[in-house]
Amino acid sequence: MKKKLLFMALFVMFIHINAQVGIKTPTPQHTLHVNGSLQVVKDLNVGGDDRTKGNSGNKGEVLMSNGAGNTPVWKTIESENFLKVVYVGNKTDISPSSGSYTGTHSTPVNTHESYSQTYVFNVSNKIDTAYLTYNSTTGLFTVVKPGFYNIVPYATYDLNLNPSGQTAGTANSYIQKVSPALTTLAGISTGHGERTTGLNHNLSSINFFNTGETFRIRCRYTQDFRLSSGNIHISYLTP
């Protein structure tokens, strides 16, 4: 018993003098050096002092280094200026289901808003309703959380129903804010020769939206047209 007590006393003195403890290592490199796995059943607390309990963070947060000699902190990924994907959608059908939309049949095509059609994504693969909602009937996105949104749609046109001599023309696709005022946020215009049977447009736009503001994807063509398969992903740029 005396030998055990003496050993424990010497061990405590050794810890106090060296201020380092090694588990499965005779040469610890830090105050506590574990050469093996570590299992944490409950909290992992960081910071604090000899009288204050450290912070165990909140659900969904990650532990981030503050550099050598500084206490690490718990943070959300969003707080570090990441893009959070809040919507992923696909268009897997052709609209209209029969026939074609009427083209402008005149130029310039960008003056004919009444001939534009909303590109509707019939499949919502992912949606975070804490940020925005989507109406798959009207094709209208409504912002729930204010901030910067990165909108990246891919749209395709089908011109196969047009007869010979009626396929050449100009296509115009754009990202459009609907409310509070009708505003074009981004757009692309391309010209196409005779016997063009299909075309595609990629767009991208980063804009700030307030709660309740709405936007959509719009398309039009000089000749009659149909809207075919495409996709979109929308990300939220964290502050």
Protein backbone atom coordinates (compact mmCIF):
# COMPACT_ATOMS: atom_id res chain seq x y z
CA MET A 1 0.00 0.00 0.00
CA LYS A 2 2.80 2.38 0.93
CA LYS A 3 4.56 1.60 -2.34
CA LYS A 4 1.38 2.42 -4.27
CA LEU A 5 0.94 5.72 -2.43
CA LEU A 6 4.56 6.60 -3.03
CA PHE A 7 4.24 5.79 -6.71
CA MET A 8 1.10 7.94 -7.01
CA ALA A 9 2.80 10.83 -5.22
CA LEU A 10 5.81 10.61 -7.51
CA PHE A 11 3.51 10.41 -10.55
CA VAL A 12 1.64 13.55 -9.48
CA MET A 13 4.95 15.35 -8.90
CA PHE A 14 6.12 14.24 -12.33
CA ILE A 15 2.97 15.62 -13.95
CA HIS A 16 3.28 18.89 -12.06
CA ILE A 17 6.95 19.34 -12.94
CA ASN A 18 6.66 18.39 -16.59
CA ALA A 19 3.10 19.69 -17.15
CA GLN A 20 2.68 16.98 -19.79
CA VAL A 21 0.97 13.60 -19.68
CA GLY A 22 1.51 10.91 -22.25
CA ILE A 23 -0.85 8.00 -22.79
CA LYS A 24 0.92 5.19 -24.63
CA THR A 25 3.85 7.49 -25.29
CA PRO A 26 6.90 8.13 -23.05
CA THR A 27 7.60 11.48 -24.73
CA PRO A 28 4.42 13.60 -24.68
CA GLN A 29 4.55 16.65 -26.92
CA HIS A 30 1.63 18.48 -25.31
CA THR A 31 -0.07 18.82 -21.94
CA LEU A 32 -2.02 15.66 -22.84
CA HIS A 33 -0.67 13.45 -25.59
CA VAL A 34 -2.79 10.43 -26.52
CA ASN A 35 -1.19 7.87 -28.81
CA GLY A 36 -4.38 6.10 -29.82
CA SER A 37 -8.09 6.67 -30.38
CA LEU A 38 -10.30 8.99 -28.33
CA GLN A 39 -13.96 8.36 -27.56
CA VAL A 40 -16.17 11.22 -26.43
CA VAL A 41 -19.54 10.00 -25.15
CA LYS A 42 -21.07 13.39 -24.32
CA ASP A 43 -19.86 16.99 -24.64
CA LEU A 44 -16.59 18.18 -26.10
CA ASN A 45 -15.95 21.47 -24.34
CA VAL A 46 -13.50 24.08 -25.58
CA GLY A 47 -12.34 27.28 -23.92
CA GLY A 48 -13.21 28.11 -20.33
CA ASP A 49 -10.71 28.16 -17.47
CA ASP A 50 -10.12 26.56 -14.06
CA ARG A 51 -13.42 28.01 -12.83
CA THR A 52 -15.52 28.12 -16.01
CA LYS A 53 -16.82 25.24 -18.11
CA GLY A 54 -15.88 25.34 -21.78
CA ASN A 55 -18.34 25.71 -24.66
CA SER A 56 -19.78 22.51 -26.17
CA GLY A 57 -21.28 24.32 -29.21
CA ASN A 58 -24.71 23.98 -30.80
CA LYS A 59 -26.21 21.28 -33.01
CA GLY A 60 -24.84 21.47 -36.55
CA GLU A 61 -21.78 23.54 -35.68
CA VAL A 62 -18.21 22.48 -36.46
CA LEU A 63 -15.05 23.02 -34.43
CA MET A 64 -12.78 25.53 -36.13
CA SER A 65 -9.16 26.33 -35.30
CA ASN A 66 -8.13 29.85 -34.33
CA GLY A 67 -4.46 29.11 -34.87
CA ALA A 68 -1.69 27.92 -32.55
CA GLY A 69 -2.06 29.01 -28.94
CA ASN A 70 -5.68 30.14 -29.35
CA THR A 71 -8.88 28.44 -28.22
CA PRO A 72 -10.78 26.80 -31.09
CA VAL A 73 -14.38 27.89 -31.55
CA TRP A 74 -17.65 26.33 -32.65
CA LYS A 75 -19.05 27.84 -35.87
CA THR A 76 -21.68 27.13 -38.50
CA ILE A 77 -20.44 26.43 -42.01
CA GLU A 78 -22.76 29.18 -43.26
CA SER A 79 -21.00 31.79 -41.13
CA GLU A 80 -17.80 31.34 -43.14
CA ASN A 81 -19.10 32.73 -46.43
CA PHE A 82 -20.01 29.42 -48.02
CA LEU A 83 -22.66 28.90 -50.67
CA LYS A 84 -25.49 26.88 -49.20
CA VAL A 85 -27.49 25.06 -51.89
CA VAL A 86 -31.17 25.72 -51.12
CA TYR A 87 -32.90 24.53 -54.30
CA VAL A 88 -32.19 21.95 -56.99
CA GLY A 89 -34.79 21.37 -59.68
CA ASN A 90 -35.22 19.68 -63.05
CA LYS A 91 -37.49 20.05 -66.04
CA THR A 92 -38.06 16.58 -67.45
CA ASP A 93 -41.05 17.30 -69.67
CA ILE A 94 -41.82 19.40 -72.76
CA SER A 95 -44.16 22.35 -72.57
CA PRO A 96 -46.63 22.91 -73.99
CA SER A 97 -47.53 19.23 -73.96
CA SER A 98 -49.02 19.60 -77.46
CA GLY A 99 -48.31 22.20 -80.10
CA SER A 100 -45.94 25.12 -79.58
CA TYR A 101 -45.78 28.52 -77.93
CA THR A 102 -46.24 31.34 -80.42
CA GLY A 103 -42.98 33.07 -81.33
CA THR A 104 -42.60 36.82 -81.66
CA HIS A 105 -42.14 36.59 -85.47
CA SER A 106 -40.48 39.99 -85.36
CA THR A 107 -37.36 41.67 -84.04
CA PRO A 108 -35.97 42.84 -81.73
CA VAL A 109 -37.03 39.85 -79.66
CA ASN A 110 -36.23 41.53 -76.35
CA THR A 111 -39.12 43.96 -76.72
CA HIS A 112 -41.79 41.26 -76.71
CA GLU A 113 -42.36 40.40 -73.05
CA SER A 114 -45.90 39.25 -73.86
CA TYR A 115 -44.47 36.37 -75.92
CA SER A 116 -42.18 35.18 -73.11
CA GLN A 117 -42.95 31.95 -71.28
CA THR A 118 -41.95 30.91 -67.77
CA TYR A 119 -39.61 27.96 -67.61
CA VAL A 120 -41.21 25.61 -65.06
CA PHE A 121 -39.22 22.95 -63.22
CA ASN A 122 -41.59 20.05 -62.67
CA VAL A 123 -39.21 18.13 -60.35
CA SER A 124 -37.90 19.62 -57.10
CA ASN A 125 -34.96 17.47 -56.03
CA LYS A 126 -34.11 19.64 -53.05
CA ILE A 127 -35.72 22.66 -51.43
CA ASP A 128 -34.93 24.38 -48.14
CA THR A 129 -38.11 26.26 -47.31
CA ALA A 130 -36.30 28.25 -44.62
CA TYR A 131 -34.77 30.17 -47.53
CA LEU A 132 -37.31 30.11 -50.36
CA THR A 133 -40.43 28.39 -51.72
CA TYR A 134 -41.29 27.31 -55.24
CA ASN A 135 -44.62 27.14 -57.06
CA SER A 136 -44.34 24.39 -59.69
CA THR A 137 -47.51 25.65 -61.38
CA THR A 138 -46.47 29.27 -61.93
CA GLY A 139 -42.70 28.72 -61.87
CA LEU A 140 -42.37 31.48 -59.29
CA PHE A 141 -39.73 31.46 -56.52
CA THR A 142 -40.54 33.39 -53.34
CA VAL A 143 -37.73 34.44 -50.99
CA VAL A 144 -38.17 33.61 -47.30
CA LYS A 145 -34.76 34.56 -45.91
CA PRO A 146 -33.23 37.85 -47.11
CA GLY A 147 -29.72 37.75 -48.55
CA PHE A 148 -27.69 37.13 -51.69
CA TYR A 149 -28.85 34.27 -53.93
CA ASN A 150 -26.83 32.67 -56.72
CA ILE A 151 -29.28 31.52 -59.42
CA VAL A 152 -27.94 29.17 -62.10
CA PRO A 153 -30.53 27.83 -64.59
CA TYR A 154 -30.01 25.73 -67.73
CA ALA A 155 -32.83 25.93 -70.29
CA THR A 156 -33.40 24.20 -73.61
CA TYR A 157 -35.70 24.95 -76.56
CA ASP A 158 -37.26 22.42 -78.95
CA LEU A 159 -37.98 23.67 -82.50
CA ASN A 160 -38.73 20.32 -84.13
CA LEU A 161 -42.37 21.16 -84.86
CA ASN A 162 -41.49 24.13 -87.05
CA PRO A 163 -41.69 23.52 -90.82
CA SER A 164 -38.85 24.19 -93.24
CA GLY A 165 -38.08 27.88 -93.52
CA GLN A 166 -39.40 28.66 -90.05
CA THR A 167 -36.64 27.71 -87.61
CA ALA A 168 -34.09 30.51 -88.01
CA GLY A 169 -34.39 33.22 -85.37
CA THR A 170 -33.29 34.70 -82.08
CA ALA A 171 -33.66 33.12 -78.65
CA ASN A 172 -33.74 35.14 -75.46
CA SER A 173 -33.59 33.67 -71.92
CA TYR A 174 -33.40 35.63 -68.71
CA ILE A 175 -33.70 35.60 -64.94
CA GLN A 176 -36.45 38.01 -63.99
CA LYS A 177 -37.44 39.52 -60.67
CA VAL A 178 -41.22 39.80 -60.61
CA SER A 179 -41.85 41.70 -57.40
CA PRO A 180 -41.62 44.32 -56.09
CA ALA A 181 -40.91 45.47 -59.67
CA LEU A 182 -40.45 43.64 -62.96
CA THR A 183 -36.66 43.62 -63.48
CA THR A 184 -34.30 41.60 -65.66
CA LEU A 185 -31.43 40.34 -63.49
CA ALA A 186 -29.49 38.43 -66.15
CA GLY A 187 -30.09 37.44 -69.75
CA ILE A 188 -28.65 35.85 -72.87
CA SER A 189 -29.60 36.31 -76.52
CA THR A 190 -28.43 34.03 -79.36
CA GLY A 191 -29.12 33.89 -83.07
CA HIS A 192 -29.76 30.61 -84.90
CA GLY A 193 -29.82 29.58 -88.57
CA GLU A 194 -32.36 27.67 -90.58
CA ARG A 195 -33.07 24.05 -89.56
CA THR A 196 -32.01 24.62 -85.98
CA THR A 197 -33.97 21.97 -84.12
CA GLY A 198 -32.85 22.71 -80.59
CA LEU A 199 -30.79 25.14 -78.54
CA ASN A 200 -29.73 25.67 -74.93
CA HIS A 201 -28.92 28.57 -72.64
CA ASN A 202 -26.86 28.74 -69.43
CA LEU A 203 -27.38 31.70 -67.13
CA SER A 204 -26.03 32.84 -63.79
CA SER A 205 -26.84 35.73 -61.50
CA ILE A 206 -26.07 36.76 -57.92
CA ASN A 207 -28.52 39.25 -56.47
CA PHE A 208 -29.80 40.43 -53.12
CA PHE A 209 -33.43 39.62 -52.32
CA ASN A 210 -35.63 40.73 -49.46
CA THR A 211 -38.26 38.54 -47.84
CA GLY A 212 -41.32 38.17 -50.04
CA GLU A 213 -39.63 39.14 -53.30
CA THR A 214 -40.19 36.78 -56.24
CA PHE A 215 -38.28 35.73 -59.35
CA ARG A 216 -38.58 33.32 -62.28
CA ILE A 217 -36.86 32.06 -65.43
CA ARG A 218 -38.30 33.33 -68.74
CA CYS A 219 -37.79 32.27 -72.37
CA ARG A 220 -38.88 33.44 -75.84
CA TYR A 221 -37.99 32.85 -79.49
CA THR A 222 -38.57 34.52 -82.82
CA GLN A 223 -40.27 31.41 -84.25
CA ASP A 224 -42.76 29.11 -82.56
CA PHE A 225 -41.07 27.05 -79.85
CA ARG A 226 -41.38 24.50 -77.08
CA LEU A 227 -39.46 24.40 -73.81
CA SER A 228 -37.70 21.11 -73.11
CA SER A 229 -35.49 19.52 -70.44
CA GLY A 230 -33.30 21.62 -68.15
CA ASN A 231 -32.26 22.21 -64.57
CA ILE A 232 -31.49 24.83 -61.97
CA HIS A 233 -29.61 25.17 -58.71
CA ILE A 234 -29.93 28.08 -56.33
CA SER A 235 -27.47 28.81 -53.55
CA TYR A 236 -27.58 31.20 -50.63
CA LEU A 237 -24.42 33.23 -50.06
CA THR A 238 -23.93 33.27 -46.31
CA PRO A 239 -22.97 36.60 -44.71
